[in-house]
Amino acid sequence: MRGTTIFVSDVHLSDKRENKVELFLAFLRLVQEKCEALYILGDLFDLWLGDDDDTAPHPDIITALRAVSDNGVALYIALGNRDFLIGGKFCERTGAKLLPDYTTIDLYGTKTLITHGDLLCTKDTKYQLFRKIVRHPLIIQIFLLIPLDIRKKIAHSTQTKTSASMRKKNNEIMDVEQKTVETMMNKHQVSLLIHGHTHRPNTHVFKADYITRQRIVLGDWYEQDSVLVCQENKRSLLKVRDYLM
């Protein structure tokens, strides 16, 4: 069924979650048959340490994504906080187009803003500072010169510290800030925003500047297996297993 656009985020694929890898591969097989576009809005992988990182299940996912794009499905990927080191080689191997932090698209007549979502969490000032540092082009260039085995050790140490830090933060700090949401939607002149990152799937309808707006949050694939299925007159936030049926 061409004429369908799919959005997912926070799939967090890794060799520790083989059942989710198999679910995602099954999902991609259906996408390549029935969809015209697939948007992956960040954190496809639980950890991506550079385009030379062929740790399982990366090769299988790359092959499956290539099959999607080779079958005529437009494939887009945004950088998440876990896989922001995805680069040009990955895109060449998969046929994906890399998206900037904020992208506006025409979603069947609705001007829509899409993003991973972490930039909307502006109350978490420590994270925003950390993000700015680790994503500096010079820092990235230096990090990618380090042998992969050492990069893995650095990343796992950082993840452990980050997880400990997150447990100390309250839920409000780790969620998006409504003022930032409205500011970005006004800046890009959109009535619909789609993002992930917070792992809180929902559809929020609100008014700002006398305009009715909608914010759709994609769920993670740890437990929620969330997928947004969009057609010309319908948007459905589903469990992946319901979509596969």
C-alpha atoms as a PDB file:
ATOM      1  CA  MET A   1       0.000   0.000   0.000  1.00  0.00           C
ATOM      2  CA  ARG A   2       2.068   2.885  -1.316  1.00  0.00           C
ATOM      3  CA  GLY A   3       0.854   6.226  -0.044  1.00  0.00           C
ATOM      4  CA  THR A   4       1.874   5.339   3.511  1.00  0.00           C
ATOM      5  CA  THR A   5       4.633   7.084   5.457  1.00  0.00           C
ATOM      6  CA  ILE A   6       6.057   5.493   8.603  1.00  0.00           C
ATOM      7  CA  PHE A   7       7.863   7.070  11.564  1.00  0.00           C
ATOM      8  CA  VAL A   8       9.816   5.236  14.262  1.00  0.00           C
ATOM      9  CA  SER A   9      12.290   6.353  16.900  1.00  0.00           C
ATOM     10  CA  ASP A  10      14.339   4.948  19.771  1.00  0.00           C
ATOM     11  CA  VAL A  11      14.515   1.401  18.437  1.00  0.00           C
ATOM     12  CA  HIS A  12      17.786   0.924  20.389  1.00  0.00           C
ATOM     13  CA  LEU A  13      18.994  -2.127  18.487  1.00  0.00           C
ATOM     14  CA  SER A  14      21.803  -4.134  20.059  1.00  0.00           C
ATOM     15  CA  ASP A  15      23.099  -7.700  20.287  1.00  0.00           C
ATOM     16  CA  LYS A  16      21.618  -7.876  23.801  1.00  0.00           C
ATOM     17  CA  ARG A  17      18.066  -7.623  22.452  1.00  0.00           C
ATOM     18  CA  GLU A  18      17.887 -10.178  19.654  1.00  0.00           C
ATOM     19  CA  ASN A  19      14.086 -10.373  19.806  1.00  0.00           C
ATOM     20  CA  LYS A  20      13.843  -6.672  18.958  1.00  0.00           C
ATOM     21  CA  VAL A  21      16.320  -7.078  16.124  1.00  0.00           C
ATOM     22  CA  GLU A  22      14.145  -9.804  14.620  1.00  0.00           C
ATOM     23  CA  LEU A  23      11.039  -7.665  15.126  1.00  0.00           C
ATOM     24  CA  PHE A  24      12.675  -4.712  13.385  1.00  0.00           C
ATOM     25  CA  LEU A  25      13.811  -6.877  10.468  1.00  0.00           C
ATOM     26  CA  ALA A  26      10.252  -8.175  10.054  1.00  0.00           C
ATOM     27  CA  PHE A  27       9.016  -4.594  10.214  1.00  0.00           C
ATOM     28  CA  LEU A  28      11.435  -3.538   7.452  1.00  0.00           C
ATOM     29  CA  ARG A  29      10.287  -6.376   5.211  1.00  0.00           C
ATOM     30  CA  LEU A  30       6.726  -5.057   5.409  1.00  0.00           C
ATOM     31  CA  VAL A  31       7.824  -1.454   4.964  1.00  0.00           C
ATOM     32  CA  GLN A  32       9.649  -2.207   1.731  1.00  0.00           C
ATOM     33  CA  GLU A  33       6.507  -3.772   0.292  1.00  0.00           C
ATOM     34  CA  LYS A  34       3.863  -1.287   1.425  1.00  0.00           C
ATOM     35  CA  CYS A  35       5.314   2.163   2.133  1.00  0.00           C
ATOM     36  CA  GLU A  36       6.588   5.125   0.216  1.00  0.00           C
ATOM     37  CA  ALA A  37       8.747   6.605   2.991  1.00  0.00           C
ATOM     38  CA  LEU A  38      10.324   5.584   6.296  1.00  0.00           C
ATOM     39  CA  TYR A  39      11.596   8.131   8.802  1.00  0.00           C
ATOM     40  CA  ILE A  40      13.816   6.896  11.643  1.00  0.00           C
ATOM     41  CA  LEU A  41      13.977   9.772  14.136  1.00  0.00           C
ATOM     42  CA  GLY A  42      17.103   8.874  16.064  1.00  0.00           C
ATOM     43  CA  ASP A  43      18.503   6.152  18.315  1.00  0.00           C
ATOM     44  CA  LEU A  44      18.047   3.373  15.803  1.00  0.00           C
ATOM     45  CA  PHE A  45      21.002   1.764  17.561  1.00  0.00           C
ATOM     46  CA  ASP A  46      21.628   1.542  21.272  1.00  0.00           C
ATOM     47  CA  LEU A  47      25.216   2.459  20.511  1.00  0.00           C
ATOM     48  CA  TRP A  48      26.931   3.521  17.265  1.00  0.00           C
ATOM     49  CA  LEU A  49      30.585   4.445  17.571  1.00  0.00           C
ATOM     50  CA  GLY A  50      31.342   5.364  13.975  1.00  0.00           C
ATOM     51  CA  ASP A  51      30.722   4.041  10.497  1.00  0.00           C
ATOM     52  CA  ASP A  52      33.489   1.471  11.005  1.00  0.00           C
ATOM     53  CA  ASP A  53      31.509  -0.109  13.858  1.00  0.00           C
ATOM     54  CA  ASP A  54      30.433  -3.494  12.455  1.00  0.00           C
ATOM     55  CA  THR A  55      29.406  -4.894  15.828  1.00  0.00           C
ATOM     56  CA  ALA A  56      26.420  -7.239  15.540  1.00  0.00           C
ATOM     57  CA  PRO A  57      23.642  -6.639  14.618  1.00  0.00           C
ATOM     58  CA  HIS A  58      24.820  -3.625  12.600  1.00  0.00           C
ATOM     59  CA  PRO A  59      25.655  -5.506   9.341  1.00  0.00           C
ATOM     60  CA  ASP A  60      22.235  -7.231   9.240  1.00  0.00           C
ATOM     61  CA  ILE A  61      20.422  -3.946   9.841  1.00  0.00           C
ATOM     62  CA  ILE A  62      22.420  -2.161   7.148  1.00  0.00           C
ATOM     63  CA  THR A  63      21.608  -4.918   4.652  1.00  0.00           C
ATOM     64  CA  ALA A  64      17.903  -4.745   5.513  1.00  0.00           C
ATOM     65  CA  LEU A  65      17.821  -0.946   5.231  1.00  0.00           C
ATOM     66  CA  ARG A  66      19.505  -1.195   1.836  1.00  0.00           C
ATOM     67  CA  ALA A  67      16.755  -3.552   0.696  1.00  0.00           C
ATOM     68  CA  VAL A  68      14.184  -0.957   1.772  1.00  0.00           C
ATOM     69  CA  SER A  69      15.775   1.859  -0.206  1.00  0.00           C
ATOM     70  CA  ASP A  70      16.513  -0.388  -3.210  1.00  0.00           C
ATOM     71  CA  ASN A  71      12.816  -1.219  -3.319  1.00  0.00           C
ATOM     72  CA  GLY A  72      11.953   2.429  -3.910  1.00  0.00           C
ATOM     73  CA  VAL A  73      11.104   3.477  -0.350  1.00  0.00           C
ATOM     74  CA  ALA A  74      12.479   6.900   0.584  1.00  0.00           C
ATOM     75  CA  LEU A  75      14.605   6.329   3.695  1.00  0.00           C
ATOM     76  CA  TYR A  76      15.473   9.116   6.123  1.00  0.00           C
ATOM     77  CA  ILE A  77      17.379   8.977   9.391  1.00  0.00           C
ATOM     78  CA  ALA A  78      17.885  11.552  12.134  1.00  0.00           C
ATOM     79  CA  LEU A  79      20.686  11.415  14.659  1.00  0.00           C
ATOM     80  CA  GLY A  80      19.795  10.461  18.209  1.00  0.00           C
ATOM     81  CA  ASN A  81      21.743  10.836  21.422  1.00  0.00           C
ATOM     82  CA  ARG A  82      22.945   7.206  21.157  1.00  0.00           C
ATOM     83  CA  ASP A  83      23.884   7.128  17.451  1.00  0.00           C
ATOM     84  CA  PHE A  84      24.892  10.679  16.532  1.00  0.00           C
ATOM     85  CA  LEU A  85      28.136   9.336  15.012  1.00  0.00           C
ATOM     86  CA  ILE A  86      26.243   7.906  12.028  1.00  0.00           C
ATOM     87  CA  GLY A  87      27.828   9.460   8.963  1.00  0.00           C
ATOM     88  CA  GLY A  88      28.257   9.426   5.219  1.00  0.00           C
ATOM     89  CA  LYS A  89      29.478   5.847   4.889  1.00  0.00           C
ATOM     90  CA  PHE A  90      26.387   4.540   6.672  1.00  0.00           C
ATOM     91  CA  CYS A  91      24.190   6.527   4.303  1.00  0.00           C
ATOM     92  CA  GLU A  92      26.044   5.190   1.272  1.00  0.00           C
ATOM     93  CA  ARG A  93      25.615   1.612   2.479  1.00  0.00           C
ATOM     94  CA  THR A  94      21.919   1.954   3.305  1.00  0.00           C
ATOM     95  CA  GLY A  95      20.690   4.502   0.780  1.00  0.00           C
ATOM     96  CA  ALA A  96      19.416   6.663   3.634  1.00  0.00           C
ATOM     97  CA  LYS A  97      19.365  10.443   3.672  1.00  0.00           C
ATOM     98  CA  LEU A  98      20.677  12.027   6.863  1.00  0.00           C
ATOM     99  CA  LEU A  99      18.389  14.676   8.374  1.00  0.00           C
ATOM    100  CA  PRO A 100      19.426  17.838  10.239  1.00  0.00           C
ATOM    101  CA  ASP A 101      18.324  18.382  13.836  1.00  0.00           C
ATOM    102  CA  TYR A 102      15.073  19.979  12.663  1.00  0.00           C
ATOM    103  CA  THR A 103      13.394  19.155   9.344  1.00  0.00           C
ATOM    104  CA  THR A 104      10.102  20.341   7.904  1.00  0.00           C
ATOM    105  CA  ILE A 105       8.224  18.052   5.526  1.00  0.00           C
ATOM    106  CA  ASP A 106       4.907  18.051   3.701  1.00  0.00           C
ATOM    107  CA  LEU A 107       3.025  15.145   5.279  1.00  0.00           C
ATOM    108  CA  TYR A 108       0.079  14.668   2.921  1.00  0.00           C
ATOM    109  CA  GLY A 109      -0.738  18.353   2.923  1.00  0.00           C
ATOM    110  CA  THR A 110       0.251  19.111   6.532  1.00  0.00           C
ATOM    111  CA  LYS A 111       3.453  21.060   7.073  1.00  0.00           C
ATOM    112  CA  THR A 112       5.211  19.024   9.756  1.00  0.00           C
ATOM    113  CA  LEU A 113       8.311  19.485  11.896  1.00  0.00           C
ATOM    114  CA  ILE A 114      10.309  16.351  12.738  1.00  0.00           C
ATOM    115  CA  THR A 115      13.215  15.947  15.143  1.00  0.00           C
ATOM    116  CA  HIS A 116      14.720  13.393  17.520  1.00  0.00           C
ATOM    117  CA  GLY A 117      13.415  15.336  20.496  1.00  0.00           C
ATOM    118  CA  ASP A 118      16.384  15.821  22.801  1.00  0.00           C
ATOM    119  CA  LEU A 119      16.783  19.467  21.813  1.00  0.00           C
ATOM    120  CA  LEU A 120      13.281  20.106  23.136  1.00  0.00           C
ATOM    121  CA  CYS A 121      14.300  19.001  26.653  1.00  0.00           C
ATOM    122  CA  THR A 122      15.698  22.425  27.506  1.00  0.00           C
ATOM    123  CA  LYS A 123      15.118  22.142  31.252  1.00  0.00           C
ATOM    124  CA  ASP A 124      17.890  19.534  31.340  1.00  0.00           C
ATOM    125  CA  THR A 125      20.676  22.100  31.092  1.00  0.00           C
ATOM    126  CA  LYS A 126      23.428  19.613  32.007  1.00  0.00           C
ATOM    127  CA  TYR A 127      22.443  17.336  29.129  1.00  0.00           C
ATOM    128  CA  GLN A 128      22.251  20.246  26.681  1.00  0.00           C
ATOM    129  CA  LEU A 129      25.781  21.305  27.627  1.00  0.00           C
ATOM    130  CA  PHE A 130      27.050  17.719  27.322  1.00  0.00           C
ATOM    131  CA  ARG A 131      25.361  17.430  23.918  1.00  0.00           C
ATOM    132  CA  LYS A 132      27.012  20.598  22.671  1.00  0.00           C
ATOM    133  CA  ILE A 133      30.454  19.357  23.733  1.00  0.00           C
ATOM    134  CA  VAL A 134      30.309  15.793  22.362  1.00  0.00           C
ATOM    135  CA  ARG A 135      28.809  16.924  19.054  1.00  0.00           C
ATOM    136  CA  HIS A 136      31.451  19.536  18.360  1.00  0.00           C
ATOM    137  CA  PRO A 137      33.007  18.609  14.976  1.00  0.00           C
ATOM    138  CA  LEU A 138      36.559  18.696  16.395  1.00  0.00           C
ATOM    139  CA  ILE A 139      35.632  16.406  19.315  1.00  0.00           C
ATOM    140  CA  ILE A 140      33.966  13.977  16.892  1.00  0.00           C
ATOM    141  CA  GLN A 141      36.972  14.025  14.562  1.00  0.00           C
ATOM    142  CA  ILE A 142      39.377  13.249  17.403  1.00  0.00           C
ATOM    143  CA  PHE A 143      37.126  10.530  18.866  1.00  0.00           C
ATOM    144  CA  LEU A 144      36.860   8.714  15.528  1.00  0.00           C
ATOM    145  CA  LEU A 145      40.653   8.553  15.284  1.00  0.00           C
ATOM    146  CA  ILE A 146      40.746   6.403  18.426  1.00  0.00           C
ATOM    147  CA  PRO A 147      40.758   2.609  17.826  1.00  0.00           C
ATOM    148  CA  LEU A 148      37.275   1.100  17.969  1.00  0.00           C
ATOM    149  CA  ASP A 149      37.993  -1.116  21.000  1.00  0.00           C
ATOM    150  CA  ILE A 150      39.009   1.919  23.049  1.00  0.00           C
ATOM    151  CA  ARG A 151      35.999   3.879  21.795  1.00  0.00           C
ATOM    152  CA  LYS A 152      33.792   1.077  23.113  1.00  0.00           C
ATOM    153  CA  LYS A 153      35.356   1.272  26.571  1.00  0.00           C
ATOM    154  CA  ILE A 154      34.935   5.057  26.666  1.00  0.00           C
ATOM    155  CA  ALA A 155      31.320   4.794  25.506  1.00  0.00           C
ATOM    156  CA  HIS A 156      30.358   2.121  28.031  1.00  0.00           C
ATOM    157  CA  SER A 157      31.922   4.139  30.853  1.00  0.00           C
ATOM    158  CA  THR A 158      30.031   7.246  29.698  1.00  0.00           C
ATOM    159  CA  GLN A 159      26.750   5.315  29.449  1.00  0.00           C
ATOM    160  CA  THR A 160      27.140   4.028  32.998  1.00  0.00           C
ATOM    161  CA  LYS A 161      27.666   7.544  34.318  1.00  0.00           C
ATOM    162  CA  THR A 162      24.793   8.901  32.218  1.00  0.00           C
ATOM    163  CA  SER A 163      22.396   6.222  33.505  1.00  0.00           C
ATOM    164  CA  ALA A 164      23.346   7.042  37.099  1.00  0.00           C
ATOM    165  CA  SER A 165      22.783  10.731  36.420  1.00  0.00           C
ATOM    166  CA  MET A 166      19.360  10.117  34.836  1.00  0.00           C
ATOM    167  CA  ARG A 167      18.148   8.208  37.887  1.00  0.00           C
ATOM    168  CA  LYS A 168      18.686  11.364  39.945  1.00  0.00           C
ATOM    169  CA  LYS A 169      16.658  13.615  37.627  1.00  0.00           C
ATOM    170  CA  ASN A 170      12.932  14.090  37.984  1.00  0.00           C
ATOM    171  CA  ASN A 171      10.580  13.297  35.129  1.00  0.00           C
ATOM    172  CA  GLU A 172       9.802  16.924  34.373  1.00  0.00           C
ATOM    173  CA  ILE A 173      13.438  17.761  33.634  1.00  0.00           C
ATOM    174  CA  MET A 174      13.766  14.833  31.210  1.00  0.00           C
ATOM    175  CA  ASP A 175      10.605  15.698  29.291  1.00  0.00           C
ATOM    176  CA  VAL A 176      10.235  18.363  26.620  1.00  0.00           C
ATOM    177  CA  GLU A 177       9.558  21.928  27.682  1.00  0.00           C
ATOM    178  CA  GLN A 178       6.238  23.204  26.353  1.00  0.00           C
ATOM    179  CA  LYS A 179       7.591  26.703  25.801  1.00  0.00           C
ATOM    180  CA  THR A 180      10.388  25.300  23.623  1.00  0.00           C
ATOM    181  CA  VAL A 181       7.898  23.187  21.685  1.00  0.00           C
ATOM    182  CA  GLU A 182       5.768  26.225  20.915  1.00  0.00           C
ATOM    183  CA  THR A 183       8.800  28.347  20.032  1.00  0.00           C
ATOM    184  CA  MET A 184      10.103  25.797  17.517  1.00  0.00           C
ATOM    185  CA  MET A 185       6.681  25.201  15.994  1.00  0.00           C
ATOM    186  CA  ASN A 186       6.223  28.951  15.570  1.00  0.00           C
ATOM    187  CA  LYS A 187       9.703  29.341  14.124  1.00  0.00           C
ATOM    188  CA  HIS A 188       9.047  26.677  11.484  1.00  0.00           C
ATOM    189  CA  GLN A 189       5.400  27.714  11.035  1.00  0.00           C
ATOM    190  CA  VAL A 190       3.938  24.243  11.558  1.00  0.00           C
ATOM    191  CA  SER A 191       0.842  22.853  13.234  1.00  0.00           C
ATOM    192  CA  LEU A 192       2.249  19.300  13.638  1.00  0.00           C
ATOM    193  CA  LEU A 193       5.406  18.156  15.430  1.00  0.00           C
ATOM    194  CA  ILE A 194       6.643  14.533  15.487  1.00  0.00           C
ATOM    195  CA  HIS A 195       9.512  13.433  17.740  1.00  0.00           C
ATOM    196  CA  GLY A 196      10.847  10.642  19.945  1.00  0.00           C
ATOM    197  CA  HIS A 197      13.556  10.585  22.640  1.00  0.00           C
ATOM    198  CA  THR A 198      11.364  10.857  25.748  1.00  0.00           C
ATOM    199  CA  HIS A 199       9.916   7.312  25.467  1.00  0.00           C
ATOM    200  CA  ARG A 200       6.455   8.700  26.264  1.00  0.00           C
ATOM    201  CA  PRO A 201       4.208   7.853  23.312  1.00  0.00           C
ATOM    202  CA  ASN A 202       1.191  10.090  23.109  1.00  0.00           C
ATOM    203  CA  THR A 203      -0.644  12.637  20.993  1.00  0.00           C
ATOM    204  CA  HIS A 204      -0.862  16.094  22.543  1.00  0.00           C
ATOM    205  CA  VAL A 205      -3.314  18.674  21.215  1.00  0.00           C
ATOM    206  CA  PHE A 206      -3.006  22.266  22.417  1.00  0.00           C
ATOM    207  CA  LYS A 207      -3.548  25.840  21.349  1.00  0.00           C
ATOM    208  CA  ALA A 208      -0.734  28.363  20.914  1.00  0.00           C
ATOM    209  CA  ASP A 209      -1.209  31.820  19.415  1.00  0.00           C
ATOM    210  CA  TYR A 210      -4.846  30.896  18.756  1.00  0.00           C
ATOM    211  CA  ILE A 211      -3.759  28.009  16.505  1.00  0.00           C
ATOM    212  CA  THR A 212      -4.590  24.381  17.286  1.00  0.00           C
ATOM    213  CA  ARG A 213      -1.374  22.365  17.282  1.00  0.00           C
ATOM    214  CA  GLN A 214      -0.560  18.692  17.597  1.00  0.00           C
ATOM    215  CA  ARG A 215       2.551  16.991  18.988  1.00  0.00           C
ATOM    216  CA  ILE A 216       2.949  13.261  18.379  1.00  0.00           C
ATOM    217  CA  VAL A 217       5.524  11.488  20.546  1.00  0.00           C
ATOM    218  CA  LEU A 218       6.910   8.162  19.350  1.00  0.00           C
ATOM    219  CA  GLY A 219       7.538   5.426  21.897  1.00  0.00           C
ATOM    220  CA  ASP A 220      10.722   3.424  22.335  1.00  0.00           C
ATOM    221  CA  TRP A 221      11.229  -0.212  21.320  1.00  0.00           C
ATOM    222  CA  TYR A 222      12.251  -1.487  24.739  1.00  0.00           C
ATOM    223  CA  GLU A 223       8.676  -2.347  25.671  1.00  0.00           C
ATOM    224  CA  GLN A 224       6.390  -0.110  23.625  1.00  0.00           C
ATOM    225  CA  ASP A 225       7.461  -0.971  20.044  1.00  0.00           C
ATOM    226  CA  SER A 226       5.892   2.219  18.744  1.00  0.00           C
ATOM    227  CA  VAL A 227       5.259   3.080  15.089  1.00  0.00           C
ATOM    228  CA  LEU A 228       3.376   6.024  13.583  1.00  0.00           C
ATOM    229  CA  VAL A 229       1.532   5.101  10.383  1.00  0.00           C
ATOM    230  CA  CYS A 230       0.486   8.091   8.272  1.00  0.00           C
ATOM    231  CA  GLN A 231      -1.769   8.176   5.253  1.00  0.00           C
ATOM    232  CA  GLU A 232      -3.532  11.027   3.485  1.00  0.00           C
ATOM    233  CA  ASN A 233      -6.496  11.187   5.866  1.00  0.00           C
ATOM    234  CA  LYS A 234      -5.299   9.187   8.854  1.00  0.00           C
ATOM    235  CA  ARG A 235      -2.518   8.984  11.454  1.00  0.00           C
ATOM    236  CA  SER A 236      -2.273   5.984  13.772  1.00  0.00           C
ATOM    237  CA  LEU A 237       0.193   5.511  16.629  1.00  0.00           C
ATOM    238  CA  LEU A 238       0.416   1.722  16.904  1.00  0.00           C
ATOM    239  CA  LYS A 239       2.328  -1.120  18.448  1.00  0.00           C
ATOM    240  CA  VAL A 240       4.604  -2.603  15.808  1.00  0.00           C
ATOM    241  CA  ARG A 241       3.027  -6.044  16.244  1.00  0.00           C
ATOM    242  CA  ASP A 242      -0.394  -4.537  15.504  1.00  0.00           C
ATOM    243  CA  TYR A 243       1.028  -2.963  12.355  1.00  0.00           C
ATOM    244  CA  LEU A 244       2.506  -6.291  11.245  1.00  0.00           C
ATOM    245  CA  MET A 245      -0.820  -8.102  11.580  1.00  0.00           C
END
